[in-house]
Amino acid sequence: MTNYPASKNGDYESLKGEIDKRYPSGRFVAIQSGECIADAESHRELVRKLAALGQSPKDMLVVQAGVEYPESAVILFDPSERSRHA
């Protein structure tokens, strides 16, 4: 299970209103150090944009505008599915 540091969650909470106003619902937004550093129509496109900036989505929080996230969630990952998502 991945637990994001409180600072990442705080970044999202403080930026949520701005994200929802600035970006169309469903748009992917990368948040790092309290700032929205990139956005894209799809997650795949966002990963490409971040790579061009020398960044990885693993090092930041990625959210979708207009989505209400629960306070906590359990994310399960099946390593056998990895090749299907690469």
N, C-alpha and C. Protein backbone atom coordinates (compact mmCIF):
# COMPACT_ATOMS: atom_id res chain seq x y z
N MET A 1 0.85 -1.18 0.00
CA MET A 1 0.00 0.00 0.00
C MET A 1 0.89 1.24 0.00
N THR A 2 0.53 2.23 -0.80
CA THR A 2 1.29 3.47 -0.87
C THR A 2 0.62 4.52 0.00
N ASN A 3 1.40 5.10 0.90
CA ASN A 3 0.92 6.21 1.71
C ASN A 3 1.68 7.44 1.27
N TYR A 4 0.96 8.43 0.74
CA TYR A 4 1.61 9.66 0.33
C TYR A 4 1.89 10.50 1.56
N PRO A 5 3.05 11.16 1.59
CA PRO A 5 3.34 12.05 2.72
C PRO A 5 2.27 13.12 2.85
N ALA A 6 2.08 13.58 4.07
CA ALA A 6 1.06 14.60 4.33
C ALA A 6 1.26 15.82 3.45
N SER A 7 2.52 16.14 3.12
CA SER A 7 2.76 17.32 2.28
C SER A 7 2.15 17.16 0.90
N LYS A 8 2.20 15.96 0.32
CA LYS A 8 1.59 15.75 -1.00
C LYS A 8 0.08 15.87 -0.90
N ASN A 9 -0.50 15.27 0.13
CA ASN A 9 -1.95 15.39 0.31
C ASN A 9 -2.34 16.83 0.58
N GLY A 10 -1.53 17.54 1.35
CA GLY A 10 -1.81 18.95 1.63
C GLY A 10 -1.72 19.80 0.37
N ASP A 11 -0.75 19.49 -0.49
CA ASP A 11 -0.63 20.20 -1.76
C ASP A 11 -1.92 20.05 -2.55
N TYR A 12 -2.41 18.84 -2.64
CA TYR A 12 -3.63 18.59 -3.41
C TYR A 12 -4.81 19.32 -2.78
N GLU A 13 -4.95 19.21 -1.48
CA GLU A 13 -6.09 19.85 -0.82
C GLU A 13 -6.07 21.36 -1.02
N SER A 14 -4.88 21.96 -0.96
CA SER A 14 -4.80 23.41 -1.12
C SER A 14 -5.00 23.84 -2.57
N LEU A 15 -4.70 22.96 -3.52
CA LEU A 15 -4.81 23.30 -4.94
C LEU A 15 -6.10 22.81 -5.60
N LYS A 16 -6.87 21.97 -4.91
CA LYS A 16 -8.04 21.35 -5.53
C LYS A 16 -8.99 22.36 -6.17
N GLY A 17 -9.32 23.40 -5.47
CA GLY A 17 -10.22 24.41 -6.02
C GLY A 17 -9.68 25.05 -7.28
N GLU A 18 -8.39 25.38 -7.26
CA GLU A 18 -7.73 25.98 -8.43
C GLU A 18 -7.70 24.99 -9.59
N ILE A 19 -7.38 23.73 -9.30
CA ILE A 19 -7.32 22.70 -10.34
C ILE A 19 -8.69 22.55 -11.00
N ASP A 20 -9.73 22.47 -10.18
CA ASP A 20 -11.08 22.28 -10.72
C ASP A 20 -11.56 23.49 -11.54
N LYS A 21 -11.07 24.67 -11.22
CA LYS A 21 -11.44 25.87 -11.99
C LYS A 21 -10.63 25.98 -13.28
N ARG A 22 -9.35 25.67 -13.19
CA ARG A 22 -8.43 25.89 -14.30
C ARG A 22 -8.48 24.79 -15.37
N TYR A 23 -8.71 23.55 -14.96
CA TYR A 23 -8.62 22.43 -15.89
C TYR A 23 -9.98 21.78 -16.11
N PRO A 24 -10.25 21.31 -17.33
CA PRO A 24 -11.52 20.61 -17.60
C PRO A 24 -11.59 19.32 -16.78
N SER A 25 -12.78 18.93 -16.41
CA SER A 25 -13.00 17.71 -15.65
C SER A 25 -12.38 16.52 -16.38
N GLY A 26 -11.64 15.70 -15.64
CA GLY A 26 -11.01 14.51 -16.20
C GLY A 26 -9.58 14.72 -16.66
N ARG A 27 -9.13 15.97 -16.75
CA ARG A 27 -7.76 16.25 -17.21
C ARG A 27 -6.77 15.83 -16.11
N PHE A 28 -5.67 15.22 -16.51
CA PHE A 28 -4.65 14.78 -15.56
C PHE A 28 -3.71 15.93 -15.24
N VAL A 29 -3.42 16.10 -13.95
CA VAL A 29 -2.58 17.20 -13.48
C VAL A 29 -1.50 16.65 -12.55
N ALA A 30 -0.25 17.04 -12.78
CA ALA A 30 0.87 16.62 -11.93
C ALA A 30 1.17 17.73 -10.94
N ILE A 31 1.25 17.37 -9.67
CA ILE A 31 1.50 18.32 -8.59
C ILE A 31 2.84 17.98 -7.94
N GLN A 32 3.70 18.99 -7.83
CA GLN A 32 4.99 18.80 -7.17
C GLN A 32 5.34 20.08 -6.42
N SER A 33 5.74 19.93 -5.17
CA SER A 33 6.15 21.06 -4.33
C SER A 33 5.11 22.18 -4.32
N GLY A 34 3.84 21.79 -4.23
CA GLY A 34 2.78 22.78 -4.12
C GLY A 34 2.39 23.47 -5.41
N GLU A 35 2.88 22.97 -6.55
CA GLU A 35 2.56 23.60 -7.84
C GLU A 35 2.10 22.55 -8.84
N CYS A 36 1.23 22.98 -9.73
CA CYS A 36 0.83 22.15 -10.87
C CYS A 36 1.92 22.33 -11.92
N ILE A 37 2.67 21.26 -12.20
CA ILE A 37 3.81 21.42 -13.11
C ILE A 37 3.53 20.95 -14.54
N ALA A 38 2.46 20.17 -14.73
CA ALA A 38 2.12 19.70 -16.07
C ALA A 38 0.68 19.20 -16.07
N ASP A 39 0.07 19.20 -17.24
CA ASP A 39 -1.28 18.65 -17.37
C ASP A 39 -1.42 18.06 -18.76
N ALA A 40 -2.37 17.14 -18.89
CA ALA A 40 -2.58 16.47 -20.19
C ALA A 40 -3.96 15.82 -20.22
N GLU A 41 -4.39 15.53 -21.43
CA GLU A 41 -5.69 14.88 -21.66
C GLU A 41 -5.72 13.45 -21.14
N SER A 42 -4.58 12.74 -21.23
CA SER A 42 -4.53 11.35 -20.77
C SER A 42 -3.32 11.16 -19.85
N HIS A 43 -3.36 10.09 -19.08
CA HIS A 43 -2.24 9.78 -18.19
C HIS A 43 -0.98 9.50 -19.02
N ARG A 44 -1.14 8.77 -20.09
CA ARG A 44 -0.01 8.44 -20.97
C ARG A 44 0.65 9.71 -21.51
N GLU A 45 -0.17 10.66 -21.94
CA GLU A 45 0.36 11.93 -22.45
C GLU A 45 1.07 12.71 -21.34
N LEU A 46 0.52 12.67 -20.13
CA LEU A 46 1.15 13.36 -19.00
C LEU A 46 2.51 12.75 -18.70
N VAL A 47 2.60 11.44 -18.73
CA VAL A 47 3.88 10.77 -18.49
C VAL A 47 4.91 11.21 -19.53
N ARG A 48 4.49 11.32 -20.78
CA ARG A 48 5.40 11.80 -21.84
C ARG A 48 5.87 13.23 -21.58
N LYS A 49 4.93 14.09 -21.19
CA LYS A 49 5.30 15.49 -20.90
C LYS A 49 6.27 15.56 -19.74
N LEU A 50 6.02 14.78 -18.70
CA LEU A 50 6.91 14.77 -17.54
C LEU A 50 8.30 14.26 -17.93
N ALA A 51 8.35 13.22 -18.75
CA ALA A 51 9.64 12.68 -19.19
C ALA A 51 10.43 13.75 -19.95
N ALA A 52 9.73 14.54 -20.76
CA ALA A 52 10.39 15.62 -21.51
C ALA A 52 10.97 16.66 -20.56
N LEU A 53 10.38 16.78 -19.39
CA LEU A 53 10.87 17.71 -18.37
C LEU A 53 11.91 17.07 -17.45
N GLY A 54 12.22 15.78 -17.72
CA GLY A 54 13.16 15.06 -16.87
C GLY A 54 12.55 14.63 -15.55
N GLN A 55 11.24 14.50 -15.52
CA GLN A 55 10.50 14.15 -14.30
C GLN A 55 9.79 12.81 -14.46
N SER A 56 9.38 12.24 -13.35
CA SER A 56 8.64 10.99 -13.34
C SER A 56 7.39 11.16 -12.49
N PRO A 57 6.26 10.58 -12.90
CA PRO A 57 5.05 10.67 -12.09
C PRO A 57 5.21 9.96 -10.74
N LYS A 58 6.20 9.10 -10.63
CA LYS A 58 6.46 8.40 -9.37
C LYS A 58 6.95 9.35 -8.29
N ASP A 59 7.44 10.52 -8.69
CA ASP A 59 8.01 11.48 -7.75
C ASP A 59 7.05 12.59 -7.37
N MET A 60 5.79 12.45 -7.76
CA MET A 60 4.83 13.51 -7.49
C MET A 60 3.43 12.93 -7.37
N LEU A 61 2.49 13.78 -7.16
CA LEU A 61 1.10 13.36 -7.07
C LEU A 61 0.42 13.70 -8.39
N VAL A 62 -0.29 12.74 -8.97
CA VAL A 62 -1.03 12.96 -10.21
C VAL A 62 -2.51 12.76 -9.89
N VAL A 63 -3.33 13.75 -10.25
CA VAL A 63 -4.77 13.70 -9.99
C VAL A 63 -5.52 14.06 -11.27
N GLN A 64 -6.82 13.80 -11.24
CA GLN A 64 -7.67 14.23 -12.34
C GLN A 64 -8.57 15.36 -11.84
N ALA A 65 -8.64 16.41 -12.62
CA ALA A 65 -9.49 17.55 -12.28
C ALA A 65 -10.94 17.09 -12.19
N GLY A 66 -11.66 17.61 -11.23
CA GLY A 66 -13.07 17.32 -11.09
C GLY A 66 -13.41 16.01 -10.39
N VAL A 67 -12.39 15.24 -10.03
CA VAL A 67 -12.63 13.95 -9.37
C VAL A 67 -12.56 14.14 -7.86
N GLU A 68 -13.52 13.57 -7.16
CA GLU A 68 -13.52 13.59 -5.70
C GLU A 68 -12.83 12.32 -5.21
N TYR A 69 -11.71 12.47 -4.52
CA TYR A 69 -10.96 11.33 -4.01
C TYR A 69 -11.30 11.07 -2.55
N PRO A 70 -11.37 9.80 -2.16
CA PRO A 70 -11.60 9.50 -0.75
C PRO A 70 -10.37 9.86 0.07
N GLU A 71 -10.54 9.97 1.37
CA GLU A 71 -9.40 10.31 2.22
C GLU A 71 -8.35 9.21 2.22
N SER A 72 -8.78 7.97 2.05
CA SER A 72 -7.82 6.87 1.99
C SER A 72 -8.34 5.80 1.04
N ALA A 73 -7.41 5.01 0.54
CA ALA A 73 -7.76 3.92 -0.38
C ALA A 73 -6.66 2.88 -0.36
N VAL A 74 -7.02 1.67 -0.67
CA VAL A 74 -6.04 0.59 -0.79
C VAL A 74 -5.92 0.27 -2.27
N ILE A 75 -4.71 0.31 -2.78
CA ILE A 75 -4.45 0.02 -4.18
C ILE A 75 -3.68 -1.29 -4.25
N LEU A 76 -4.25 -2.25 -4.94
CA LEU A 76 -3.60 -3.55 -5.10
C LEU A 76 -2.97 -3.62 -6.47
N PHE A 77 -1.81 -4.24 -6.55
CA PHE A 77 -1.09 -4.35 -7.81
C PHE A 77 -0.71 -5.80 -8.02
N ASP A 78 -1.05 -6.33 -9.18
CA ASP A 78 -0.69 -7.69 -9.54
C ASP A 78 0.50 -7.61 -10.49
N PRO A 79 1.71 -8.01 -10.03
CA PRO A 79 2.90 -7.90 -10.88
C PRO A 79 2.75 -8.61 -12.22
N SER A 80 1.93 -9.62 -12.31
CA SER A 80 1.75 -10.32 -13.59
C SER A 80 1.05 -9.44 -14.63
N GLU A 81 0.39 -8.39 -14.18
CA GLU A 81 -0.29 -7.46 -15.09
C GLU A 81 0.66 -6.38 -15.61
N ARG A 82 1.85 -6.29 -15.08
CA ARG A 82 2.79 -5.22 -15.41
C ARG A 82 3.03 -5.10 -16.92
N SER A 83 3.22 -6.21 -17.61
CA SER A 83 3.54 -6.14 -19.05
C SER A 83 2.37 -5.60 -19.86
N ARG A 84 1.16 -5.73 -19.37
CA ARG A 84 -0.01 -5.23 -20.08
C ARG A 84 -0.10 -3.71 -19.99
N HIS A 85 0.54 -3.10 -18.99
CA HIS A 85 0.43 -1.66 -18.78
C HIS A 85 1.70 -0.91 -19.16
N ALA A 86 2.67 -1.60 -19.64
CA ALA A 86 3.95 -0.95 -19.97
C ALA A 86 3.88 -0.20 -21.27
